[in-house]
Amino acid sequence: MKAPPESPEVPPPRARKNPLSPKKLLLTKWTAVAPTRREKHFVVVRVIEPEPPAVRIEQVELEAVHSRRVMLIYWRELTDASQWRQGWV
């Protein structure tokens, strides 16, 4: 009996994270991991442009789909997987 040929060791796929760009956040959809006030799904309705254009974008406005309530957050909070998931889950 022939031994099966050894397969070359394939490295496991790397978890590749797509970096968020604040300029491309407009109209993106987000799901809150821990919903409050029955607000789970959100849409970025505005990217707050800083007064001197040379300064980096810091904040975005999220609008709750359920209540239409608008909240202002730092856009980097969206990268925290314990708080937000991209898309409507």
N, C-alpha and C. Protein backbone atom coordinates (compact mmCIF):
# COMPACT_ATOMS: atom_id res chain seq x y z
N MET A 1 0.82 -1.19 0.00
CA MET A 1 0.00 0.00 0.00
C MET A 1 0.85 1.24 0.00
N LYS A 2 0.43 2.17 -0.79
CA LYS A 2 1.18 3.43 -0.87
C LYS A 2 0.67 4.40 0.19
N ALA A 3 1.59 5.09 0.76
CA ALA A 3 1.21 6.14 1.72
C ALA A 3 0.71 7.35 0.94
N PRO A 4 -0.32 8.01 1.44
CA PRO A 4 -0.81 9.19 0.71
C PRO A 4 0.28 10.26 0.65
N PRO A 5 0.35 10.95 -0.47
CA PRO A 5 1.38 11.99 -0.59
C PRO A 5 1.13 13.09 0.44
N GLU A 6 2.22 13.54 0.98
CA GLU A 6 2.10 14.61 1.97
C GLU A 6 1.72 15.91 1.26
N SER A 7 0.71 16.54 1.81
CA SER A 7 0.30 17.81 1.20
C SER A 7 1.15 18.93 1.81
N PRO A 8 1.49 19.90 0.98
CA PRO A 8 2.27 21.01 1.52
C PRO A 8 1.45 21.74 2.58
N GLU A 9 2.13 22.13 3.60
CA GLU A 9 1.44 22.80 4.71
C GLU A 9 0.95 24.18 4.25
N VAL A 10 -0.33 24.39 4.39
CA VAL A 10 -0.93 25.66 3.98
C VAL A 10 -1.16 26.50 5.23
N PRO A 11 -0.63 27.71 5.24
CA PRO A 11 -0.83 28.54 6.44
C PRO A 11 -2.31 28.90 6.57
N PRO A 12 -2.77 29.05 7.81
CA PRO A 12 -4.18 29.44 8.00
C PRO A 12 -4.41 30.84 7.45
N PRO A 13 -5.62 31.09 6.96
CA PRO A 13 -5.89 32.43 6.43
C PRO A 13 -5.79 33.48 7.53
N ARG A 14 -5.20 34.58 7.18
CA ARG A 14 -5.06 35.68 8.14
C ARG A 14 -6.36 36.45 8.21
N ALA A 15 -6.67 36.87 9.42
CA ALA A 15 -7.84 37.73 9.57
C ALA A 15 -7.45 39.09 9.02
N ARG A 16 -8.06 39.45 7.93
CA ARG A 16 -7.71 40.70 7.27
C ARG A 16 -8.81 41.71 7.53
N LYS A 17 -8.43 42.78 8.11
CA LYS A 17 -9.39 43.80 8.48
C LYS A 17 -9.33 44.94 7.48
N ASN A 18 -10.46 45.28 6.92
CA ASN A 18 -10.49 46.42 6.02
C ASN A 18 -10.52 47.68 6.87
N PRO A 19 -9.55 48.53 6.71
CA PRO A 19 -9.55 49.75 7.50
C PRO A 19 -10.68 50.68 7.06
N LEU A 20 -11.29 51.32 8.04
CA LEU A 20 -12.34 52.28 7.74
C LEU A 20 -11.72 53.61 7.34
N SER A 21 -12.31 54.23 6.38
CA SER A 21 -11.88 55.55 5.97
C SER A 21 -13.00 56.52 6.34
N PRO A 22 -12.72 57.57 7.09
CA PRO A 22 -13.79 58.48 7.49
C PRO A 22 -14.47 59.15 6.31
N LYS A 23 -13.77 59.30 5.20
CA LYS A 23 -14.37 59.96 4.04
C LYS A 23 -15.38 59.06 3.33
N LYS A 24 -15.31 57.76 3.58
CA LYS A 24 -16.21 56.83 2.91
C LYS A 24 -17.31 56.31 3.84
N LEU A 25 -17.49 56.92 4.98
CA LEU A 25 -18.48 56.45 5.94
C LEU A 25 -19.90 56.92 5.64
N LEU A 26 -20.06 57.96 4.87
CA LEU A 26 -21.38 58.52 4.62
C LEU A 26 -22.33 57.45 4.05
N LEU A 27 -23.49 57.33 4.66
CA LEU A 27 -24.57 56.40 4.30
C LEU A 27 -24.23 54.92 4.54
N THR A 28 -23.19 54.65 5.32
CA THR A 28 -22.92 53.26 5.69
C THR A 28 -23.86 52.84 6.81
N LYS A 29 -24.12 51.54 6.92
CA LYS A 29 -25.08 51.00 7.88
C LYS A 29 -24.33 50.30 9.01
N TRP A 30 -24.85 50.43 10.24
CA TRP A 30 -24.21 49.88 11.43
C TRP A 30 -25.25 49.27 12.35
N THR A 31 -24.85 48.24 13.07
CA THR A 31 -25.70 47.59 14.06
C THR A 31 -25.04 47.72 15.42
N ALA A 32 -25.81 48.19 16.39
CA ALA A 32 -25.30 48.30 17.76
C ALA A 32 -25.30 46.91 18.38
N VAL A 33 -24.21 46.54 19.04
CA VAL A 33 -24.10 45.25 19.69
C VAL A 33 -25.04 45.20 20.90
N ALA A 34 -25.12 46.29 21.64
CA ALA A 34 -26.00 46.38 22.82
C ALA A 34 -27.01 47.50 22.57
N PRO A 35 -28.15 47.19 21.95
CA PRO A 35 -29.14 48.23 21.63
C PRO A 35 -29.72 48.88 22.87
N THR A 36 -29.98 50.18 22.78
CA THR A 36 -30.67 50.91 23.84
C THR A 36 -31.87 51.61 23.22
N ARG A 37 -32.93 51.74 23.98
CA ARG A 37 -34.17 52.38 23.51
C ARG A 37 -34.72 51.73 22.24
N ARG A 38 -34.53 50.43 22.11
CA ARG A 38 -34.96 49.68 20.92
C ARG A 38 -34.29 50.18 19.65
N GLU A 39 -33.17 50.86 19.78
CA GLU A 39 -32.42 51.35 18.63
C GLU A 39 -31.23 50.41 18.38
N LYS A 40 -31.32 49.69 17.29
CA LYS A 40 -30.29 48.73 16.96
C LYS A 40 -29.58 49.07 15.66
N HIS A 41 -30.34 49.52 14.67
CA HIS A 41 -29.78 49.80 13.35
C HIS A 41 -29.61 51.31 13.15
N PHE A 42 -28.45 51.66 12.58
CA PHE A 42 -28.09 53.07 12.39
C PHE A 42 -27.52 53.29 11.00
N VAL A 43 -27.60 54.53 10.55
CA VAL A 43 -27.01 54.95 9.27
C VAL A 43 -26.18 56.19 9.54
N VAL A 44 -25.00 56.27 8.95
CA VAL A 44 -24.19 57.48 9.05
C VAL A 44 -24.81 58.50 8.09
N VAL A 45 -25.38 59.58 8.65
CA VAL A 45 -26.06 60.57 7.83
C VAL A 45 -25.21 61.80 7.54
N ARG A 46 -24.13 61.97 8.30
CA ARG A 46 -23.27 63.14 8.07
C ARG A 46 -21.88 62.88 8.61
N VAL A 47 -20.89 63.26 7.84
CA VAL A 47 -19.50 63.24 8.29
C VAL A 47 -19.17 64.68 8.64
N ILE A 48 -18.79 64.92 9.89
CA ILE A 48 -18.51 66.27 10.36
C ILE A 48 -17.14 66.71 9.84
N GLU A 49 -17.16 67.68 8.95
CA GLU A 49 -15.91 68.21 8.39
C GLU A 49 -15.34 69.25 9.37
N PRO A 50 -14.06 69.15 9.70
CA PRO A 50 -13.45 70.14 10.59
C PRO A 50 -13.34 71.50 9.90
N GLU A 51 -13.30 72.54 10.69
CA GLU A 51 -13.25 73.90 10.14
C GLU A 51 -12.00 74.12 9.30
N PRO A 52 -10.79 73.95 9.86
CA PRO A 52 -9.65 74.02 8.93
C PRO A 52 -9.58 72.69 8.19
N PRO A 53 -9.67 72.70 6.87
CA PRO A 53 -9.71 71.45 6.10
C PRO A 53 -8.50 70.55 6.28
N ALA A 54 -7.39 71.09 6.76
CA ALA A 54 -6.20 70.28 6.94
C ALA A 54 -6.30 69.35 8.15
N VAL A 55 -7.26 69.60 9.03
CA VAL A 55 -7.43 68.79 10.23
C VAL A 55 -8.22 67.52 9.86
N ARG A 56 -7.92 66.43 10.54
CA ARG A 56 -8.57 65.15 10.25
C ARG A 56 -10.04 65.15 10.67
N ILE A 57 -10.82 64.35 9.97
CA ILE A 57 -12.22 64.16 10.33
C ILE A 57 -12.25 63.36 11.63
N GLU A 58 -13.05 63.82 12.59
CA GLU A 58 -13.11 63.18 13.89
C GLU A 58 -14.47 62.55 14.18
N GLN A 59 -15.56 63.21 13.77
CA GLN A 59 -16.88 62.77 14.21
C GLN A 59 -17.84 62.54 13.04
N VAL A 60 -18.85 61.71 13.32
CA VAL A 60 -19.92 61.45 12.37
C VAL A 60 -21.25 61.50 13.12
N GLU A 61 -22.32 61.73 12.37
CA GLU A 61 -23.66 61.67 12.93
C GLU A 61 -24.31 60.37 12.52
N LEU A 62 -24.81 59.64 13.50
CA LEU A 62 -25.54 58.40 13.25
C LEU A 62 -27.02 58.66 13.49
N GLU A 63 -27.85 58.14 12.62
CA GLU A 63 -29.29 58.26 12.80
C GLU A 63 -29.88 56.87 13.02
N ALA A 64 -30.66 56.74 14.11
CA ALA A 64 -31.32 55.47 14.39
C ALA A 64 -32.45 55.27 13.40
N VAL A 65 -32.54 54.10 12.82
CA VAL A 65 -33.57 53.82 11.83
C VAL A 65 -34.95 53.78 12.50
N HIS A 66 -35.03 53.22 13.69
CA HIS A 66 -36.30 53.06 14.39
C HIS A 66 -36.91 54.39 14.84
N SER A 67 -36.11 55.23 15.46
CA SER A 67 -36.65 56.45 16.08
C SER A 67 -36.25 57.74 15.37
N ARG A 68 -35.34 57.66 14.43
CA ARG A 68 -34.81 58.84 13.73
C ARG A 68 -33.99 59.76 14.65
N ARG A 69 -33.63 59.26 15.84
CA ARG A 69 -32.80 60.04 16.75
C ARG A 69 -31.39 60.11 16.18
N VAL A 70 -30.79 61.28 16.26
CA VAL A 70 -29.43 61.49 15.73
C VAL A 70 -28.46 61.61 16.89
N MET A 71 -27.34 60.93 16.76
CA MET A 71 -26.30 61.04 17.79
C MET A 71 -24.95 61.29 17.13
N LEU A 72 -24.13 62.04 17.82
CA LEU A 72 -22.81 62.41 17.34
C LEU A 72 -21.79 61.53 18.05
N ILE A 73 -20.95 60.83 17.28
CA ILE A 73 -19.92 59.99 17.88
C ILE A 73 -18.60 60.20 17.15
N TYR A 74 -17.52 59.80 17.80
CA TYR A 74 -16.22 59.78 17.13
C TYR A 74 -16.22 58.58 16.19
N TRP A 75 -15.83 58.79 14.95
CA TRP A 75 -15.94 57.74 13.95
C TRP A 75 -15.11 56.51 14.29
N ARG A 76 -14.05 56.67 15.04
CA ARG A 76 -13.21 55.52 15.40
C ARG A 76 -13.92 54.56 16.35
N GLU A 77 -14.98 55.02 17.02
CA GLU A 77 -15.76 54.12 17.87
C GLU A 77 -16.38 53.00 17.04
N LEU A 78 -16.62 53.25 15.77
CA LEU A 78 -17.22 52.24 14.90
C LEU A 78 -16.29 51.06 14.66
N THR A 79 -15.01 51.21 14.93
CA THR A 79 -14.06 50.11 14.75
C THR A 79 -14.05 49.17 15.95
N ASP A 80 -14.73 49.54 17.05
CA ASP A 80 -14.78 48.73 18.25
C ASP A 80 -15.84 47.63 18.08
N ALA A 81 -15.39 46.40 17.90
CA ALA A 81 -16.30 45.28 17.65
C ALA A 81 -17.18 44.95 18.86
N SER A 82 -16.81 45.43 20.03
CA SER A 82 -17.66 45.17 21.19
C SER A 82 -18.86 46.12 21.23
N GLN A 83 -18.85 47.17 20.37
CA GLN A 83 -19.94 48.13 20.34
C GLN A 83 -20.71 48.12 19.02
N TRP A 84 -20.01 47.92 17.90
CA TRP A 84 -20.63 48.07 16.58
C TRP A 84 -20.27 46.94 15.64
N ARG A 85 -21.22 46.60 14.76
CA ARG A 85 -20.99 45.67 13.65
C ARG A 85 -21.34 46.41 12.37
N GLN A 86 -20.51 46.26 11.36
CA GLN A 86 -20.80 46.93 10.10
C GLN A 86 -21.93 46.20 9.37
N GLY A 87 -22.84 46.96 8.81
CA GLY A 87 -24.01 46.39 8.15
C GLY A 87 -25.14 46.21 9.14
N TRP A 88 -26.27 45.72 8.64
CA TRP A 88 -27.42 45.47 9.51
C TRP A 88 -27.49 43.98 9.77
N VAL A 89 -27.14 43.61 10.97
CA VAL A 89 -27.08 42.20 11.36
C VAL A 89 -28.35 41.84 12.11
